[in-house]
C-alpha atoms as a PDB file:
ATOM      1  CA  MET A   1     249.138 228.565 204.364  1.00  0.00           C
ATOM      2  CA  TYR A   2     248.182 231.388 202.033  1.00  0.00           C
ATOM      3  CA  SER A   3     245.222 233.769 201.917  1.00  0.00           C
ATOM      4  CA  VAL A   4     243.858 235.958 199.123  1.00  0.00           C
ATOM      5  CA  LEU A   5     241.494 238.549 200.603  1.00  0.00           C
ATOM      6  CA  VAL A   6     239.181 239.643 197.787  1.00  0.00           C
ATOM      7  CA  ILE A   7     237.857 243.155 198.379  1.00  0.00           C
ATOM      8  CA  GLY A   8     236.128 245.806 196.282  1.00  0.00           C
ATOM      9  CA  SER A   9     232.958 247.847 196.048  1.00  0.00           C
ATOM     10  CA  ALA A  10     229.515 246.247 195.940  1.00  0.00           C
ATOM     11  CA  GLY A  11     228.772 244.809 192.501  1.00  0.00           C
ATOM     12  CA  ALA A  12     232.379 244.955 191.313  1.00  0.00           C
ATOM     13  CA  GLY A  13     232.507 241.202 190.681  1.00  0.00           C
ATOM     14  CA  LYS A  14     234.274 239.894 193.795  1.00  0.00           C
ATOM     15  CA  THR A  15     232.234 236.707 194.042  1.00  0.00           C
ATOM     16  CA  THR A  16     232.591 235.902 190.343  1.00  0.00           C
ATOM     17  CA  PHE A  17     236.345 236.371 190.628  1.00  0.00           C
ATOM     18  CA  SER A  18     236.578 234.341 193.855  1.00  0.00           C
ATOM     19  CA  LEU A  19     234.712 231.388 192.353  1.00  0.00           C
ATOM     20  CA  ASN A  20     236.799 231.429 189.169  1.00  0.00           C
ATOM     21  CA  LEU A  21     240.031 231.773 191.138  1.00  0.00           C
ATOM     22  CA  TYR A  22     239.041 228.809 193.310  1.00  0.00           C
ATOM     23  CA  ASP A  23     238.318 226.659 190.241  1.00  0.00           C
ATOM     24  CA  HIS A  24     241.623 227.528 188.579  1.00  0.00           C
ATOM     25  CA  LEU A  25     243.618 227.056 191.790  1.00  0.00           C
ATOM     26  CA  SER A  26     242.051 223.592 192.059  1.00  0.00           C
ATOM     27  CA  ALA A  27     243.128 222.848 188.498  1.00  0.00           C
ATOM     28  CA  HIS A  28     246.668 223.997 189.375  1.00  0.00           C
ATOM     29  CA  ASN A  29     246.900 221.651 192.397  1.00  0.00           C
ATOM     30  CA  HIS A  30     246.912 224.452 194.970  1.00  0.00           C
ATOM     31  CA  SER A  31     244.432 222.738 197.364  1.00  0.00           C
ATOM     32  CA  PRO A  32     242.297 225.886 197.787  1.00  0.00           C
ATOM     33  CA  THR A  33     239.730 226.659 200.474  1.00  0.00           C
ATOM     34  CA  LEU A  34     236.783 228.876 199.498  1.00  0.00           C
ATOM     35  CA  ILE A  35     235.495 231.192 202.234  1.00  0.00           C
ATOM     36  CA  ASN A  36     232.578 233.625 202.196  1.00  0.00           C
ATOM     37  CA  LEU A  37     232.613 236.444 204.768  1.00  0.00           C
ATOM     38  CA  ASP A  38     229.862 238.508 203.140  1.00  0.00           C
ATOM     39  CA  PRO A  39     226.700 238.186 205.279  1.00  0.00           C
ATOM     40  CA  SER A  40     224.549 239.564 202.447  1.00  0.00           C
ATOM     41  CA  GLN A  41     225.690 236.852 200.012  1.00  0.00           C
ATOM     42  CA  GLN A  42     222.629 235.077 198.600  1.00  0.00           C
ATOM     43  CA  SER A  43     224.080 233.376 195.545  1.00  0.00           C
ATOM     44  CA  GLY A  44     223.588 229.811 196.761  1.00  0.00           C
ATOM     45  CA  ASN A  45     227.244 228.959 196.096  1.00  0.00           C
ATOM     46  CA  THR A  46     228.947 226.226 198.096  1.00  0.00           C
ATOM     47  CA  TYR A  47     231.787 227.330 200.394  1.00  0.00           C
ATOM     48  CA  HIS A  48     234.057 225.486 202.786  1.00  0.00           C
ATOM     49  CA  HIS A  49     233.259 228.216 205.340  1.00  0.00           C
ATOM     50  CA  ASP A  50     230.269 230.524 204.922  1.00  0.00           C
ATOM     51  CA  ILE A  51     229.318 233.321 207.325  1.00  0.00           C
ATOM     52  CA  CYS A  52     225.705 232.973 206.107  1.00  0.00           C
ATOM     53  CA  THR A  53     225.529 229.567 207.786  1.00  0.00           C
ATOM     54  CA  TYR A  54     225.629 231.373 211.127  1.00  0.00           C
ATOM     55  CA  ILE A  55     224.400 234.910 210.552  1.00  0.00           C
ATOM     56  CA  THR A  56     223.005 236.940 207.672  1.00  0.00           C
ATOM     57  CA  THR A  57     222.095 240.536 207.006  1.00  0.00           C
ATOM     58  CA  GLN A  58     218.467 239.495 206.697  1.00  0.00           C
ATOM     59  CA  ASN A  59     218.523 237.831 210.144  1.00  0.00           C
ATOM     60  CA  ILE A  60     219.692 241.054 211.785  1.00  0.00           C
ATOM     61  CA  MET A  61     217.271 243.266 209.849  1.00  0.00           C
ATOM     62  CA  GLU A  62     214.365 241.080 210.957  1.00  0.00           C
ATOM     63  CA  ALA A  63     215.486 241.072 214.604  1.00  0.00           C
ATOM     64  CA  THR A  64     216.406 244.772 214.881  1.00  0.00           C
ATOM     65  CA  ASP A  65     215.568 248.175 213.416  1.00  0.00           C
ATOM     66  CA  LEU A  66     218.892 248.329 211.569  1.00  0.00           C
ATOM     67  CA  GLY A  67     219.062 248.986 207.841  1.00  0.00           C
ATOM     68  CA  PRO A  68     221.055 246.930 205.282  1.00  0.00           C
ATOM     69  CA  ASN A  69     224.426 248.659 205.715  1.00  0.00           C
ATOM     70  CA  SER A  70     224.338 248.662 209.516  1.00  0.00           C
ATOM     71  CA  SER A  71     223.208 245.036 209.485  1.00  0.00           C
ATOM     72  CA  ILE A  72     226.204 244.017 207.370  1.00  0.00           C
ATOM     73  CA  LEU A  73     228.558 245.811 209.755  1.00  0.00           C
ATOM     74  CA  ASN A  74     226.851 244.152 212.723  1.00  0.00           C
ATOM     75  CA  ALA A  75     227.012 240.670 211.187  1.00  0.00           C
ATOM     76  CA  PHE A  76     230.647 241.095 210.165  1.00  0.00           C
ATOM     77  CA  ALA A  77     231.558 242.261 213.687  1.00  0.00           C
ATOM     78  CA  THR A  78     229.823 239.210 215.172  1.00  0.00           C
ATOM     79  CA  MET A  79     231.807 236.961 212.833  1.00  0.00           C
ATOM     80  CA  ALA A  80     235.075 238.714 213.763  1.00  0.00           C
ATOM     81  CA  ASP A  81     234.405 237.980 217.450  1.00  0.00           C
ATOM     82  CA  ASN A  82     234.223 234.245 216.695  1.00  0.00           C
ATOM     83  CA  LEU A  83     237.042 233.698 214.210  1.00  0.00           C
ATOM     84  CA  GLU A  84     238.692 231.058 216.375  1.00  0.00           C
ATOM     85  CA  ASN A  85     235.835 228.721 215.395  1.00  0.00           C
ATOM     86  CA  MET A  86     236.906 228.835 211.739  1.00  0.00           C
ATOM     87  CA  GLU A  87     239.759 226.484 210.926  1.00  0.00           C
ATOM     88  CA  ILE A  88     241.557 227.538 207.762  1.00  0.00           C
ATOM     89  CA  GLU A  89     243.988 225.488 205.728  1.00  0.00           C
ATOM     90  CA  GLY A  90     245.637 225.379 202.337  1.00  0.00           C
ATOM     91  CA  TYR A  91     245.327 228.255 199.909  1.00  0.00           C
ATOM     92  CA  CYS A  92     242.375 230.371 201.082  1.00  0.00           C
ATOM     93  CA  VAL A  93     240.239 232.499 198.769  1.00  0.00           C
ATOM     94  CA  VAL A  94     238.243 234.873 200.973  1.00  0.00           C
ATOM     95  CA  ASP A  95     235.224 236.667 199.489  1.00  0.00           C
ATOM     96  CA  MET A  96     234.795 239.840 201.567  1.00  0.00           C
ATOM     97  CA  PRO A  97     231.759 242.159 201.902  1.00  0.00           C
ATOM     98  CA  GLY A  98     231.408 245.105 199.517  1.00  0.00           C
ATOM     99  CA  GLN A  99     230.622 247.848 202.035  1.00  0.00           C
ATOM    100  CA  ILE A 100     233.393 250.419 201.899  1.00  0.00           C
ATOM    101  CA  GLU A 101     232.855 251.317 205.580  1.00  0.00           C
ATOM    102  CA  ILE A 102     234.211 247.904 206.551  1.00  0.00           C
ATOM    103  CA  PHE A 103     237.545 248.501 204.845  1.00  0.00           C
ATOM    104  CA  VAL A 104     238.166 252.122 205.817  1.00  0.00           C
ATOM    105  CA  HIS A 105     237.156 252.307 209.492  1.00  0.00           C
ATOM    106  CA  SER A 106     235.785 248.990 210.808  1.00  0.00           C
ATOM    107  CA  GLU A 107     237.728 247.472 213.710  1.00  0.00           C
ATOM    108  CA  SER A 108     236.245 244.066 212.892  1.00  0.00           C
ATOM    109  CA  PHE A 109     237.988 244.199 209.512  1.00  0.00           C
ATOM    110  CA  LEU A 110     241.333 244.717 211.258  1.00  0.00           C
ATOM    111  CA  ARG A 111     240.684 241.759 213.580  1.00  0.00           C
ATOM    112  CA  THR A 112     239.736 239.598 210.624  1.00  0.00           C
ATOM    113  CA  VAL A 113     242.860 240.496 208.684  1.00  0.00           C
ATOM    114  CA  GLU A 114     245.035 239.913 211.745  1.00  0.00           C
ATOM    115  CA  TYR A 115     243.534 236.439 212.137  1.00  0.00           C
ATOM    116  CA  PHE A 116     244.489 235.494 208.600  1.00  0.00           C
ATOM    117  CA  LYS A 117     247.925 237.126 208.970  1.00  0.00           C
ATOM    118  CA  GLU A 118     248.581 235.032 212.089  1.00  0.00           C
ATOM    119  CA  HIS A 119     247.831 231.805 210.229  1.00  0.00           C
ATOM    120  CA  SER A 120     248.982 232.497 206.675  1.00  0.00           C
ATOM    121  CA  ARG A 121     250.748 234.742 204.216  1.00  0.00           C
ATOM    122  CA  CYS A 122     248.241 237.249 202.887  1.00  0.00           C
ATOM    123  CA  VAL A 123     247.637 239.404 199.842  1.00  0.00           C
ATOM    124  CA  ILE A 124     244.742 241.733 199.017  1.00  0.00           C
ATOM    125  CA  ALA A 125     243.111 241.328 195.621  1.00  0.00           C
ATOM    126  CA  ASN A 126     241.185 244.525 194.944  1.00  0.00           C
ATOM    127  CA  VAL A 127     238.519 243.996 192.277  1.00  0.00           C
ATOM    128  CA  PHE A 128     238.067 247.342 190.528  1.00  0.00           C
ATOM    129  CA  ASP A 129     234.963 247.768 188.331  1.00  0.00           C
ATOM    130  CA  SER A 130     235.997 249.019 184.881  1.00  0.00           C
ATOM    131  CA  ILE A 131     233.082 251.485 184.923  1.00  0.00           C
ATOM    132  CA  ASN A 132     235.192 253.519 187.370  1.00  0.00           C
ATOM    133  CA  PHE A 133     237.469 254.470 184.474  1.00  0.00           C
ATOM    134  CA  LYS A 134     234.568 256.460 182.999  1.00  0.00           C
ATOM    135  CA  SER A 135     234.116 258.763 185.998  1.00  0.00           C
ATOM    136  CA  VAL A 136     236.740 260.916 187.705  1.00  0.00           C
ATOM    137  CA  GLU A 137     234.810 260.870 191.002  1.00  0.00           C
ATOM    138  CA  ARG A 138     234.420 257.082 191.042  1.00  0.00           C
ATOM    139  CA  PHE A 139     237.994 256.465 189.909  1.00  0.00           C
ATOM    140  CA  LEU A 140     239.597 258.738 192.502  1.00  0.00           C
ATOM    141  CA  GLY A 141     237.140 257.740 195.236  1.00  0.00           C
ATOM    142  CA  ASN A 142     237.816 254.031 194.818  1.00  0.00           C
ATOM    143  CA  GLY A 143     241.544 254.678 194.580  1.00  0.00           C
ATOM    144  CA  MET A 144     241.590 256.641 197.841  1.00  0.00           C
ATOM    145  CA  SER A 145     239.517 253.954 199.568  1.00  0.00           C
ATOM    146  CA  MET A 146     242.090 251.381 198.465  1.00  0.00           C
ATOM    147  CA  CYS A 147     244.887 253.520 199.917  1.00  0.00           C
ATOM    148  CA  MET A 148     243.060 253.796 203.236  1.00  0.00           C
ATOM    149  CA  CYS A 149     242.450 250.044 203.354  1.00  0.00           C
ATOM    150  CA  VAL A 150     246.053 249.080 202.591  1.00  0.00           C
ATOM    151  CA  GLY A 151     247.334 251.713 205.008  1.00  0.00           C
ATOM    152  CA  ARG A 152     245.337 250.130 207.818  1.00  0.00           C
ATOM    153  CA  VAL A 153     246.410 246.511 207.295  1.00  0.00           C
ATOM    154  CA  ASP A 154     249.916 246.833 205.821  1.00  0.00           C
ATOM    155  CA  LEU A 155     249.567 244.055 203.244  1.00  0.00           C
ATOM    156  CA  PRO A 156     250.732 243.688 199.635  1.00  0.00           C
ATOM    157  CA  PHE A 157     247.978 244.106 197.062  1.00  0.00           C
ATOM    158  CA  ILE A 158     247.151 243.800 193.398  1.00  0.00           C
ATOM    159  CA  ASN A 159     244.482 245.753 191.500  1.00  0.00           C
ATOM    160  CA  LEU A 160     242.307 243.649 189.206  1.00  0.00           C
ATOM    161  CA  VAL A 161     239.862 245.217 186.752  1.00  0.00           C
ATOM    162  CA  SER A 162     236.575 243.417 186.119  1.00  0.00           C
ATOM    163  CA  LYS A 163     233.965 243.716 183.346  1.00  0.00           C
ATOM    164  CA  CYS A 164     236.471 244.937 180.774  1.00  0.00           C
ATOM    165  CA  ASP A 165     234.351 243.458 177.993  1.00  0.00           C
ATOM    166  CA  LEU A 166     231.603 245.928 178.887  1.00  0.00           C
ATOM    167  CA  PHE A 167     234.087 248.786 179.172  1.00  0.00           C
ATOM    168  CA  LEU A 168     235.595 248.078 175.764  1.00  0.00           C
ATOM    169  CA  GLU A 169     232.246 247.351 174.130  1.00  0.00           C
ATOM    170  CA  SER A 170     231.371 251.022 173.798  1.00  0.00           C
ATOM    171  CA  ASP A 171     234.794 251.920 172.372  1.00  0.00           C
ATOM    172  CA  ARG A 172     235.382 249.119 169.903  1.00  0.00           C
ATOM    173  CA  ASP A 173     235.038 249.591 166.147  1.00  0.00           C
ATOM    174  CA  GLU A 174     232.617 247.673 163.930  1.00  0.00           C
ATOM    175  CA  ASP A 175     235.223 245.110 162.871  1.00  0.00           C
ATOM    176  CA  CYS A 176     236.237 244.235 166.453  1.00  0.00           C
ATOM    177  CA  THR A 177     234.992 240.780 167.526  1.00  0.00           C
ATOM    178  CA  ASN A 178     234.452 239.291 170.971  1.00  0.00           C
ATOM    179  CA  ASP A 179     237.643 237.263 170.461  1.00  0.00           C
ATOM    180  CA  ASP A 180     239.522 240.514 169.887  1.00  0.00           C
ATOM    181  CA  LEU A 181     238.201 241.834 173.201  1.00  0.00           C
ATOM    182  CA  ASP A 182     239.216 238.638 174.974  1.00  0.00           C
ATOM    183  CA  ARG A 183     242.760 238.934 173.645  1.00  0.00           C
ATOM    184  CA  PHE A 184     242.969 242.648 174.428  1.00  0.00           C
ATOM    185  CA  ASP A 185     246.113 243.368 176.413  1.00  0.00           C
ATOM    186  CA  GLY A 186     246.281 247.118 176.065  1.00  0.00           C
ATOM    187  CA  ASP A 187     247.095 249.380 178.983  1.00  0.00           C
ATOM    188  CA  LEU A 188     244.193 250.015 181.325  1.00  0.00           C
ATOM    189  CA  CYS A 189     244.806 253.692 181.862  1.00  0.00           C
ATOM    190  CA  PHE A 190     242.565 256.404 183.201  1.00  0.00           C
ATOM    191  CA  ASP A 191     241.952 259.291 180.821  1.00  0.00           C
ATOM    192  CA  GLN A 192     243.736 262.145 182.584  1.00  0.00           C
ATOM    193  CA  SER A 193     241.849 264.710 180.515  1.00  0.00           C
ATOM    194  CA  LEU A 194     238.966 264.078 182.944  1.00  0.00           C
ATOM    195  CA  LEU A 195     241.014 265.696 185.734  1.00  0.00           C
ATOM    196  CA  GLU A 196     239.486 269.163 185.547  1.00  0.00           C
ATOM    197  CA  THR A 197     240.617 270.688 188.858  1.00  0.00           C
ATOM    198  CA  LYS A 198     243.851 271.020 190.811  1.00  0.00           C
ATOM    199  CA  PHE A 199     242.282 268.913 193.554  1.00  0.00           C
ATOM    200  CA  HIS A 200     241.645 266.084 191.082  1.00  0.00           C
ATOM    201  CA  ASN A 201     245.201 266.311 189.795  1.00  0.00           C
ATOM    202  CA  ASP A 202     246.646 266.298 193.320  1.00  0.00           C
ATOM    203  CA  LEU A 203     244.650 263.191 194.241  1.00  0.00           C
ATOM    204  CA  TYR A 204     245.694 261.446 191.038  1.00  0.00           C
ATOM    205  CA  SER A 205     249.370 262.271 191.738  1.00  0.00           C
ATOM    206  CA  PHE A 206     249.015 260.879 195.260  1.00  0.00           C
ATOM    207  CA  LEU A 207     247.608 257.603 193.922  1.00  0.00           C
ATOM    208  CA  GLU A 208     250.328 257.418 191.308  1.00  0.00           C
ATOM    209  CA  GLN A 209     253.084 257.967 193.861  1.00  0.00           C
ATOM    210  CA  ASN A 210     251.683 255.154 196.004  1.00  0.00           C
ATOM    211  CA  ASN A 211     251.511 252.638 193.124  1.00  0.00           C
ATOM    212  CA  VAL A 212     247.718 252.363 193.266  1.00  0.00           C
ATOM    213  CA  LEU A 213     247.311 252.950 189.539  1.00  0.00           C
ATOM    214  CA  ASN A 214     248.715 249.626 188.330  1.00  0.00           C
ATOM    215  CA  PHE A 215     245.903 247.457 186.978  1.00  0.00           C
ATOM    216  CA  THR A 216     245.619 243.943 185.625  1.00  0.00           C
ATOM    217  CA  ARG A 217     242.606 242.994 183.547  1.00  0.00           C
ATOM    218  CA  ILE A 218     240.622 239.955 184.683  1.00  0.00           C
ATOM    219  CA  ARG A 219     240.210 237.484 181.831  1.00  0.00           C
ATOM    220  CA  TYR A 220     238.264 234.340 182.638  1.00  0.00           C
ATOM    221  CA  THR A 221     240.331 232.161 180.330  1.00  0.00           C
ATOM    222  CA  GLU A 222     242.950 229.551 181.171  1.00  0.00           C
ATOM    223  CA  GLU A 223     245.735 231.899 180.148  1.00  0.00           C
ATOM    224  CA  GLY A 224     244.241 234.929 181.877  1.00  0.00           C
ATOM    225  CA  MET A 225     243.631 233.202 185.208  1.00  0.00           C
ATOM    226  CA  THR A 226     247.004 231.462 185.081  1.00  0.00           C
ATOM    227  CA  ASP A 227     248.651 234.886 184.809  1.00  0.00           C
ATOM    228  CA  ILE A 228     246.735 236.143 187.849  1.00  0.00           C
ATOM    229  CA  ILE A 229     247.581 233.021 189.863  1.00  0.00           C
ATOM    230  CA  TYR A 230     251.245 233.526 189.006  1.00  0.00           C
ATOM    231  CA  MET A 231     251.032 237.131 190.267  1.00  0.00           C
ATOM    232  CA  LEU A 232     249.400 236.019 193.520  1.00  0.00           C
ATOM    233  CA  ASP A 233     251.840 233.144 194.005  1.00  0.00           C
ATOM    234  CA  SER A 234     254.777 235.488 193.497  1.00  0.00           C
ATOM    235  CA  VAL A 235     253.520 237.977 196.089  1.00  0.00           C
ATOM    236  CA  LEU A 236     252.743 235.174 198.551  1.00  0.00           C
ATOM    237  CA  GLN A 237     256.122 233.512 197.893  1.00  0.00           C
ATOM    238  CA  TYR A 238     254.255 230.311 197.196  1.00  0.00           C
ATOM    239  CA  TYR A 239     257.028 228.905 195.034  1.00  0.00           C
ATOM    240  CA  ASP A 240     259.603 229.387 197.798  1.00  0.00           C
ATOM    241  CA  ASP A 241     257.836 226.753 199.888  1.00  0.00           C
ATOM    242  CA  LEU A 242     257.706 224.049 197.238  1.00  0.00           C
ATOM    243  CA  ASP A 243     260.029 221.112 197.614  1.00  0.00           C
ATOM    244  CA  TYR A 244     262.933 221.162 195.203  1.00  0.00           C
ATOM    245  CA  ILE A 245     262.901 218.247 192.780  1.00  0.00           C
ATOM    246  CA  GLU A 246     266.167 217.138 191.228  1.00  0.00           C
ATOM    247  CA  PRO A 247     265.994 217.165 187.439  1.00  0.00           C
ATOM    248  CA  ARG A 248     265.965 213.712 185.917  1.00  0.00           C
ATOM    249  CA  GLU A 249     268.932 212.618 183.898  1.00  0.00           C
ATOM    250  CA  GLU A 250     268.167 211.876 180.276  1.00  0.00           C
END
């Protein structure tokens, strides 16, 4: 079995990516399983396993004096204590919560990752909002959070950038069309001129040395999603498990 753990900050586009990845994996005969582990998810999407079937942030807020963030942590911890009740199979796409506290210091996150590692090969897909490229604080902050997350779970990862159409919209010239944006394959690089202090430069160098600054743009096209699936399959060694088929003689 294989698991893609989709993480990222709140509003980065994790659910949109997870749903599109599931659809394209289905089209590529990967037999995917779609799992939601975000207790604040209220999209009405259909999942094979959904934490909201059992517990939600709203349930906890109504029963306790906890606020939204604490309620998400509480619900996620409750789910992590009952993981044995969730049978996973195939190629799992796991939509995780967007609270950064879960990834950087929650013990329930470690238990959840260990459960998937015991039953499957895993990779982290970090969905990085393109708006972070506009702000040195957001860019470095999200990069350091990613380092802390990966350091805790010791898993391979890929960085995926969402909402690039919005990011490029403000920079495109008058003759640039939406098709041009969709075909854009330029480097997604942070403008280092925004690094105004030695501290900023030191953090950027740390991220660079730890390969956290490699980004792949999310394109919701057949070609774009096929490229991402190939990246995930390669990291998960999916192709190594396929049965070899002798070529037919002409």
